[in-house]
PDB file of N, CA and C in Angstrom:
ATOM      1  N   UNK A   1     -12.583  16.191  16.564  1.00  0.00           N
ATOM      2  CA  UNK A   1     -11.991  14.826  16.356  1.00  0.00           C
ATOM      3  C   UNK A   1     -10.543  14.898  16.003  1.00  0.00           C
ATOM      4  N   UNK A   2      -9.698  14.103  16.786  1.00  0.00           N
ATOM      5  CA  UNK A   2      -8.330  14.116  16.486  1.00  0.00           C
ATOM      6  C   UNK A   2      -7.944  13.111  15.262  1.00  0.00           C
ATOM      7  N   UNK A   3      -7.659  13.733  14.165  1.00  0.00           N
ATOM      8  CA  UNK A   3      -7.406  12.904  12.944  1.00  0.00           C
ATOM      9  C   UNK A   3      -6.116  12.152  12.919  1.00  0.00           C
ATOM     10  N   UNK A   4      -5.243  12.340  13.884  1.00  0.00           N
ATOM     11  CA  UNK A   4      -3.989  11.622  13.986  1.00  0.00           C
ATOM     12  C   UNK A   4      -4.192  10.321  14.588  1.00  0.00           C
ATOM     13  N   UNK A   5      -5.346   9.993  15.265  1.00  0.00           N
ATOM     14  CA  UNK A   5      -5.533   8.784  16.090  1.00  0.00           C
ATOM     15  C   UNK A   5      -6.787   8.043  15.517  1.00  0.00           C
ATOM     16  N   UNK A   6      -6.790   7.937  14.083  1.00  0.00           N
ATOM     17  CA  UNK A   6      -7.927   7.225  13.462  1.00  0.00           C
ATOM     18  C   UNK A   6      -7.497   5.696  13.546  1.00  0.00           C
ATOM     19  N   UNK A   7      -8.538   4.865  14.084  1.00  0.00           N
ATOM     20  CA  UNK A   7      -8.337   3.457  14.234  1.00  0.00           C
ATOM     21  C   UNK A   7      -8.637   2.688  12.822  1.00  0.00           C
ATOM     22  N   UNK A   8      -7.688   1.853  12.507  1.00  0.00           N
ATOM     23  CA  UNK A   8      -7.939   1.055  11.328  1.00  0.00           C
ATOM     24  C   UNK A   8      -7.761  -0.369  11.607  1.00  0.00           C
ATOM     25  N   UNK A   9      -8.279  -1.260  10.765  1.00  0.00           N
ATOM     26  CA  UNK A   9      -8.295  -2.671  10.997  1.00  0.00           C
ATOM     27  C   UNK A   9      -7.007  -3.419  10.515  1.00  0.00           C
ATOM     28  N   UNK A  10      -6.098  -2.653   9.855  1.00  0.00           N
ATOM     29  CA  UNK A  10      -4.874  -3.117   9.484  1.00  0.00           C
ATOM     30  C   UNK A  10      -3.703  -2.319   9.973  1.00  0.00           C
ATOM     31  N   UNK A  11      -2.531  -2.884  10.064  1.00  0.00           N
ATOM     32  CA  UNK A  11      -1.275  -2.104  10.497  1.00  0.00           C
ATOM     33  C   UNK A  11      -0.210  -2.490   9.670  1.00  0.00           C
ATOM     34  N   UNK A  12       0.889  -1.710   9.663  1.00  0.00           N
ATOM     35  CA  UNK A  12       2.175  -1.941   8.799  1.00  0.00           C
ATOM     36  C   UNK A  12       2.661  -3.363   9.274  1.00  0.00           C
ATOM     37  N   UNK A  13       2.917  -4.104   8.320  1.00  0.00           N
ATOM     38  CA  UNK A  13       3.473  -5.434   8.396  1.00  0.00           C
ATOM     39  C   UNK A  13       2.495  -6.581   8.449  1.00  0.00           C
ATOM     40  N   UNK A  14       1.116  -6.270   8.511  1.00  0.00           N
ATOM     41  CA  UNK A  14       0.072  -7.386   8.419  1.00  0.00           C
ATOM     42  C   UNK A  14       0.007  -7.941   7.082  1.00  0.00           C
ATOM     43  N   UNK A  15      -0.554  -9.082   6.991  1.00  0.00           N
ATOM     44  CA  UNK A  15      -0.771  -9.909   5.700  1.00  0.00           C
ATOM     45  C   UNK A  15      -2.061  -9.554   5.373  1.00  0.00           C
ATOM     46  N   UNK A  16      -2.518  -9.040   4.090  1.00  0.00           N
ATOM     47  CA  UNK A  16      -3.812  -8.722   3.673  1.00  0.00           C
ATOM     48  C   UNK A  16      -4.069  -9.332   2.288  1.00  0.00           C
ATOM     49  N   UNK A  17      -5.455  -9.341   2.012  1.00  0.00           N
ATOM     50  CA  UNK A  17      -5.884  -9.779   0.707  1.00  0.00           C
ATOM     51  C   UNK A  17      -6.779  -8.651   0.137  1.00  0.00           C
ATOM     52  N   UNK A  18      -6.662  -8.371  -1.147  1.00  0.00           N
ATOM     53  CA  UNK A  18      -7.586  -7.360  -1.802  1.00  0.00           C
ATOM     54  C   UNK A  18      -8.807  -8.095  -2.176  1.00  0.00           C
ATOM     55  N   UNK A  19      -9.981  -7.567  -1.670  1.00  0.00           N
ATOM     56  CA  UNK A  19     -11.285  -8.129  -1.904  1.00  0.00           C
ATOM     57  C   UNK A  19     -12.174  -7.477  -2.884  1.00  0.00           C
ATOM     58  N   UNK A  20     -11.793  -6.431  -3.472  1.00  0.00           N
ATOM     59  CA  UNK A  20     -12.599  -5.762  -4.439  1.00  0.00           C
ATOM     60  C   UNK A  20     -11.634  -4.863  -5.283  1.00  0.00           C
ATOM     61  N   UNK A  21     -12.107  -4.544  -6.561  1.00  0.00           N
ATOM     62  CA  UNK A  21     -11.435  -3.673  -7.471  1.00  0.00           C
ATOM     63  C   UNK A  21     -10.622  -4.576  -8.455  1.00  0.00           C
ATOM     64  N   UNK A  22      -9.782  -3.858  -9.193  1.00  0.00           N
ATOM     65  CA  UNK A  22      -9.037  -4.468 -10.328  1.00  0.00           C
ATOM     66  C   UNK A  22      -7.961  -5.575  -9.791  1.00  0.00           C
ATOM     67  N   UNK A  23      -7.634  -5.358  -8.572  1.00  0.00           N
ATOM     68  CA  UNK A  23      -6.524  -6.164  -8.025  1.00  0.00           C
ATOM     69  C   UNK A  23      -7.074  -7.345  -7.059  1.00  0.00           C
ATOM     70  N   UNK A  24      -8.441  -7.654  -7.267  1.00  0.00           N
ATOM     71  CA  UNK A  24      -9.053  -8.540  -6.308  1.00  0.00           C
ATOM     72  C   UNK A  24      -8.236  -9.980  -6.333  1.00  0.00           C
ATOM     73  N   UNK A  25      -8.122 -10.538  -5.247  1.00  0.00           N
ATOM     74  CA  UNK A  25      -7.468 -11.837  -5.072  1.00  0.00           C
ATOM     75  C   UNK A  25      -6.069 -11.795  -4.763  1.00  0.00           C
ATOM     76  N   UNK A  26      -5.284 -10.503  -4.991  1.00  0.00           N
ATOM     77  CA  UNK A  26      -4.070 -10.434  -4.664  1.00  0.00           C
ATOM     78  C   UNK A  26      -3.749 -10.294  -3.181  1.00  0.00           C
ATOM     79  N   UNK A  27      -2.669 -10.858  -2.810  1.00  0.00           N
ATOM     80  CA  UNK A  27      -2.277 -10.863  -1.354  1.00  0.00           C
ATOM     81  C   UNK A  27      -0.966 -10.174  -1.158  1.00  0.00           C
ATOM     82  N   UNK A  28      -0.584  -9.689  -0.004  1.00  0.00           N
ATOM     83  CA  UNK A  28       0.729  -9.102   0.250  1.00  0.00           C
ATOM     84  C   UNK A  28       0.872  -8.547   1.651  1.00  0.00           C
ATOM     85  N   UNK A  29       1.989  -7.999   1.929  1.00  0.00           N
ATOM     86  CA  UNK A  29       2.197  -7.388   3.232  1.00  0.00           C
ATOM     87  C   UNK A  29       2.022  -5.886   3.188  1.00  0.00           C
ATOM     88  N   UNK A  30       1.362  -5.250   4.274  1.00  0.00           N
ATOM     89  CA  UNK A  30       1.065  -3.806   4.232  1.00  0.00           C
ATOM     90  C   UNK A  30       2.406  -3.186   4.465  1.00  0.00           C
ATOM     91  N   UNK A  31       2.783  -2.208   3.578  1.00  0.00           N
ATOM     92  CA  UNK A  31       4.037  -1.518   3.552  1.00  0.00           C
ATOM     93  C   UNK A  31       3.815  -0.153   4.340  1.00  0.00           C
ATOM     94  N   UNK A  32       2.561   0.419   4.073  1.00  0.00           N
ATOM     95  CA  UNK A  32       2.330   1.867   4.693  1.00  0.00           C
ATOM     96  C   UNK A  32       0.854   1.928   4.865  1.00  0.00           C
ATOM     97  N   UNK A  33       0.417   2.589   6.039  1.00  0.00           N
ATOM     98  CA  UNK A  33      -1.001   2.847   6.196  1.00  0.00           C
ATOM     99  C   UNK A  33      -1.050   4.342   6.339  1.00  0.00           C
ATOM    100  N   UNK A  34      -2.083   4.946   5.655  1.00  0.00           N
ATOM    101  CA  UNK A  34      -2.368   6.350   5.628  1.00  0.00           C
ATOM    102  C   UNK A  34      -3.856   6.536   6.310  1.00  0.00           C
ATOM    103  N   UNK A  35      -4.019   6.564   7.741  1.00  0.00           N
ATOM    104  CA  UNK A  35      -5.267   6.605   8.128  1.00  0.00           C
ATOM    105  C   UNK A  35      -6.132   7.831   7.880  1.00  0.00           C
ATOM    106  N   UNK A  36      -5.475   8.983   7.748  1.00  0.00           N
ATOM    107  CA  UNK A  36      -6.215  10.181   7.365  1.00  0.00           C
ATOM    108  C   UNK A  36      -6.812  10.090   6.034  1.00  0.00           C
ATOM    109  N   UNK A  37      -6.233   9.468   5.071  1.00  0.00           N
ATOM    110  CA  UNK A  37      -6.759   9.224   3.588  1.00  0.00           C
ATOM    111  C   UNK A  37      -7.470   7.959   3.540  1.00  0.00           C
ATOM    112  N   UNK A  38      -7.510   7.053   4.550  1.00  0.00           N
ATOM    113  CA  UNK A  38      -8.041   5.792   4.496  1.00  0.00           C
ATOM    114  C   UNK A  38      -7.536   4.980   3.453  1.00  0.00           C
ATOM    115  N   UNK A  39      -6.204   4.919   3.229  1.00  0.00           N
ATOM    116  CA  UNK A  39      -5.571   4.113   2.152  1.00  0.00           C
ATOM    117  C   UNK A  39      -4.317   3.270   2.805  1.00  0.00           C
ATOM    118  N   UNK A  40      -4.103   2.275   2.014  1.00  0.00           N
ATOM    119  CA  UNK A  40      -2.929   1.363   2.412  1.00  0.00           C
ATOM    120  C   UNK A  40      -2.098   1.161   1.267  1.00  0.00           C
ATOM    121  N   UNK A  41      -0.826   0.817   1.346  1.00  0.00           N
ATOM    122  CA  UNK A  41       0.062   0.400   0.273  1.00  0.00           C
ATOM    123  C   UNK A  41       0.397  -0.986   0.605  1.00  0.00           C
ATOM    124  N   UNK A  42       0.165  -1.887  -0.348  1.00  0.00           N
ATOM    125  CA  UNK A  42       0.404  -3.416  -0.171  1.00  0.00           C
ATOM    126  C   UNK A  42       1.384  -3.916  -1.079  1.00  0.00           C
ATOM    127  N   UNK A  43       2.450  -4.599  -0.626  1.00  0.00           N
ATOM    128  CA  UNK A  43       3.508  -5.128  -1.354  1.00  0.00           C
ATOM    129  C   UNK A  43       3.224  -5.962  -2.590  1.00  0.00           C
ATOM    130  N   UNK A  44       3.586  -5.362  -3.754  1.00  0.00           N
ATOM    131  CA  UNK A  44       3.335  -6.066  -5.030  1.00  0.00           C
ATOM    132  C   UNK A  44       2.034  -5.947  -5.563  1.00  0.00           C
ATOM    133  N   UNK A  45       1.225  -5.022  -5.126  1.00  0.00           N
ATOM    134  CA  UNK A  45      -0.197  -4.852  -5.604  1.00  0.00           C
ATOM    135  C   UNK A  45      -0.341  -3.460  -6.029  1.00  0.00           C
ATOM    136  N   UNK A  46      -1.003  -3.269  -7.148  1.00  0.00           N
ATOM    137  CA  UNK A  46      -1.426  -1.947  -7.841  1.00  0.00           C
ATOM    138  C   UNK A  46       0.003  -1.165  -8.193  1.00  0.00           C
ATOM    139  N   UNK A  47       0.822  -1.881  -8.985  1.00  0.00           N
ATOM    140  CA  UNK A  47       2.113  -1.348  -9.406  1.00  0.00           C
ATOM    141  C   UNK A  47       1.853  -0.224 -10.436  1.00  0.00           C
ATOM    142  N   UNK A  48       2.427   0.949 -10.132  1.00  0.00           N
ATOM    143  CA  UNK A  48       2.296   2.176 -11.012  1.00  0.00           C
ATOM    144  C   UNK A  48       3.690   2.547 -11.466  1.00  0.00           C
ATOM    145  N   UNK A  49       3.596   3.323 -12.596  1.00  0.00           N
ATOM    146  CA  UNK A  49       4.986   3.764 -13.094  1.00  0.00           C
ATOM    147  C   UNK A  49       5.043   5.225 -12.851  1.00  0.00           C
ATOM    148  N   UNK A  50       6.156   5.586 -12.266  1.00  0.00           N
ATOM    149  CA  UNK A  50       6.343   7.072 -11.875  1.00  0.00           C
ATOM    150  C   UNK A  50       7.643   7.604 -12.568  1.00  0.00           C
ATOM    151  N   UNK A  51       7.447   8.677 -13.208  1.00  0.00           N
ATOM    152  CA  UNK A  51       8.502   9.262 -14.002  1.00  0.00           C
ATOM    153  C   UNK A  51       9.397  10.045 -12.991  1.00  0.00           C
ATOM    154  N   UNK A  52      10.800   9.792 -12.953  1.00  0.00           N
ATOM    155  CA  UNK A  52      11.681  10.495 -12.128  1.00  0.00           C
ATOM    156  C   UNK A  52      12.530  11.406 -12.923  1.00  0.00           C
ATOM    157  N   UNK A  53      12.754  12.630 -12.433  1.00  0.00           N
ATOM    158  CA  UNK A  53      13.521  13.572 -13.178  1.00  0.00           C
ATOM    159  C   UNK A  53      15.079  13.283 -13.005  1.00  0.00           C
ATOM    160  N   UNK A  54      15.922  13.847 -13.780  1.00  0.00           N
ATOM    161  CA  UNK A  54      17.377  13.519 -13.675  1.00  0.00           C
ATOM    162  C   UNK A  54      17.914  13.928 -12.286  1.00  0.00           C
ATOM    163  N   UNK A  55      18.702  13.068 -11.726  1.00  0.00           N
ATOM    164  CA  UNK A  55      19.302  13.203 -10.403  1.00  0.00           C
ATOM    165  C   UNK A  55      20.610  12.450 -10.291  1.00  0.00           C
ATOM    166  N   UNK A  56      21.275  12.501  -9.192  1.00  0.00           N
ATOM    167  CA  UNK A  56      22.475  11.678  -9.085  1.00  0.00           C
ATOM    168  C   UNK A  56      22.275  10.213  -9.146  1.00  0.00           C
ATOM    169  N   UNK A  57      21.087   9.828  -8.569  1.00  0.00           N
ATOM    170  CA  UNK A  57      20.636   8.332  -8.686  1.00  0.00           C
ATOM    171  C   UNK A  57      20.314   7.891 -10.059  1.00  0.00           C
ATOM    172  N   UNK A  58      19.699   8.812 -10.800  1.00  0.00           N
ATOM    173  CA  UNK A  58      19.179   8.488 -12.180  1.00  0.00           C
ATOM    174  C   UNK A  58      19.706   9.741 -13.201  1.00  0.00           C
ATOM    175  N   UNK A  59      20.878   9.568 -13.681  1.00  0.00           N
ATOM    176  CA  UNK A  59      21.516  10.637 -14.399  1.00  0.00           C
ATOM    177  C   UNK A  59      20.683  11.004 -15.665  1.00  0.00           C
ATOM    178  N   UNK A  60      20.030   9.962 -16.247  1.00  0.00           N
ATOM    179  CA  UNK A  60      19.266  10.185 -17.430  1.00  0.00           C
ATOM    180  C   UNK A  60      17.779  10.254 -17.202  1.00  0.00           C
ATOM    181  N   UNK A  61      17.420  10.312 -15.953  1.00  0.00           N
ATOM    182  CA  UNK A  61      15.977  10.238 -15.623  1.00  0.00           C
ATOM    183  C   UNK A  61      15.476   8.821 -15.655  1.00  0.00           C
ATOM    184  N   UNK A  62      14.352   8.437 -15.112  1.00  0.00           N
ATOM    185  CA  UNK A  62      13.933   7.040 -15.233  1.00  0.00           C
ATOM    186  C   UNK A  62      12.363   6.903 -15.116  1.00  0.00           C
ATOM    187  N   UNK A  63      11.860   5.651 -15.357  1.00  0.00           N
ATOM    188  CA  UNK A  63      10.542   5.388 -15.124  1.00  0.00           C
ATOM    189  C   UNK A  63      10.699   4.345 -14.001  1.00  0.00           C
ATOM    190  N   UNK A  64      10.144   4.685 -12.857  1.00  0.00           N
ATOM    191  CA  UNK A  64      10.202   3.757 -11.694  1.00  0.00           C
ATOM    192  C   UNK A  64       8.980   3.173 -11.454  1.00  0.00           C
ATOM    193  N   UNK A  65       8.914   1.752 -11.228  1.00  0.00           N
ATOM    194  CA  UNK A  65       7.770   1.111 -10.918  1.00  0.00           C
ATOM    195  C   UNK A  65       7.676   0.929  -9.466  1.00  0.00           C
ATOM    196  N   UNK A  66       6.485   1.249  -8.810  1.00  0.00           N
ATOM    197  CA  UNK A  66       6.345   1.112  -7.354  1.00  0.00           C
ATOM    198  C   UNK A  66       4.775   0.870  -7.158  1.00  0.00           C
ATOM    199  N   UNK A  67       4.518   0.598  -5.737  1.00  0.00           N
ATOM    200  CA  UNK A  67       3.159   0.246  -5.429  1.00  0.00           C
ATOM    201  C   UNK A  67       2.280   1.544  -5.251  1.00  0.00           C
ATOM    202  N   UNK A  68       1.130   1.560  -5.556  1.00  0.00           N
ATOM    203  CA  UNK A  68       0.193   2.740  -5.412  1.00  0.00           C
ATOM    204  C   UNK A  68      -0.797   2.341  -4.263  1.00  0.00           C
ATOM    205  N   UNK A  69      -1.438   3.450  -3.787  1.00  0.00           N
ATOM    206  CA  UNK A  69      -2.371   3.131  -2.651  1.00  0.00           C
ATOM    207  C   UNK A  69      -3.702   2.429  -3.063  1.00  0.00           C
ATOM    208  N   UNK A  70      -4.215   1.839  -2.025  1.00  0.00           N
ATOM    209  CA  UNK A  70      -5.606   1.103  -2.230  1.00  0.00           C
ATOM    210  C   UNK A  70      -6.375   1.590  -1.101  1.00  0.00           C
ATOM    211  N   UNK A  71      -7.717   1.798  -1.336  1.00  0.00           N
ATOM    212  CA  UNK A  71      -8.561   2.189  -0.229  1.00  0.00           C
ATOM    213  C   UNK A  71      -8.722   1.067   0.773  1.00  0.00           C
ATOM    214  N   UNK A  72      -8.735   1.482   2.098  1.00  0.00           N
ATOM    215  CA  UNK A  72      -8.511   0.502   3.256  1.00  0.00           C
ATOM    216  C   UNK A  72      -9.739  -0.408   3.298  1.00  0.00           C
ATOM    217  N   UNK A  73     -10.944  -0.034   2.775  1.00  0.00           N
ATOM    218  CA  UNK A  73     -12.092  -0.889   2.758  1.00  0.00           C
ATOM    219  C   UNK A  73     -11.968  -2.041   1.797  1.00  0.00           C
ATOM    220  N   UNK A  74     -10.952  -1.932   0.865  1.00  0.00           N
ATOM    221  CA  UNK A  74     -10.937  -2.998  -0.205  1.00  0.00           C
ATOM    222  C   UNK A  74      -9.917  -4.043   0.167  1.00  0.00           C
ATOM    223  N   UNK A  75      -9.323  -4.009   1.507  1.00  0.00           N
ATOM    224  CA  UNK A  75      -8.478  -5.065   1.937  1.00  0.00           C
ATOM    225  C   UNK A  75      -9.114  -5.870   3.123  1.00  0.00           C
ATOM    226  N   UNK A  76      -8.697  -7.139   3.227  1.00  0.00           N
ATOM    227  CA  UNK A  76      -9.202  -7.984   4.373  1.00  0.00           C
ATOM    228  C   UNK A  76      -7.851  -8.529   5.035  1.00  0.00           C
ATOM    229  N   UNK A  77      -7.917  -8.470   6.290  1.00  0.00           N
ATOM    230  CA  UNK A  77      -6.797  -8.929   7.143  1.00  0.00           C
ATOM    231  C   UNK A  77      -6.717 -10.524   7.103  1.00  0.00           C
ATOM    232  N   UNK A  78      -5.514 -10.979   6.792  1.00  0.00           N
ATOM    233  CA  UNK A  78      -5.406 -12.434   6.737  1.00  0.00           C
ATOM    234  C   UNK A  78      -4.569 -12.835   8.041  1.00  0.00           C
ATOM    235  N   UNK A  79      -3.433 -12.134   8.397  1.00  0.00           N
ATOM    236  CA  UNK A  79      -2.710 -12.475   9.396  1.00  0.00           C
ATOM    237  C   UNK A  79      -1.983 -11.200  10.065  1.00  0.00           C
ATOM    238  N   UNK A  80      -2.075 -11.060  11.371  1.00  0.00           N
ATOM    239  CA  UNK A  80      -1.427  -9.929  12.040  1.00  0.00           C
ATOM    240  C   UNK A  80       0.149 -10.081  11.826  1.00  0.00           C
ATOM    241  N   UNK A  81       0.820  -8.923  12.208  1.00  0.00           N
ATOM    242  CA  UNK A  81       2.238  -8.953  12.163  1.00  0.00           C
ATOM    243  C   UNK A  81       2.855  -9.955  13.047  1.00  0.00           C
ATOM    244  N   UNK A  82       3.645 -10.790  12.597  1.00  0.00           N
ATOM    245  CA  UNK A  82       4.287 -11.830  13.372  1.00  0.00           C
ATOM    246  C   UNK A  82       3.532 -13.137  13.717  1.00  0.00           C
ATOM    247  N   UNK A  83       2.213 -13.050  13.245  1.00  0.00           N
ATOM    248  CA  UNK A  83       1.275 -14.195  13.405  1.00  0.00           C
ATOM    249  C   UNK A  83       0.808 -14.901  12.132  1.00  0.00           C
ATOM    250  N   UNK A  84       1.533 -14.744  11.085  1.00  0.00           N
ATOM    251  CA  UNK A  84       1.071 -15.128   9.690  1.00  0.00           C
ATOM    252  C   UNK A  84       0.734 -16.595   9.561  1.00  0.00           C
TER     253      UNK A  84
END
């Protein structure tokens, strides 16, 4: 089985709704799809805090808030990319 060609019901840019879990009822645009892991990242849903070490961007280090992955079975397609 070629794992690089796993078919999913959502694609990057689609509008989706979370149908189960802690973030049920939230909607947003798909930012990233990870077919091998069966996960998606939805804009504004499951915000997690990530600690960043010192760098040129963050000289003192920082706590960055970003979206975390959700299992692909927990999202329902509302509108295809461009047809919202």
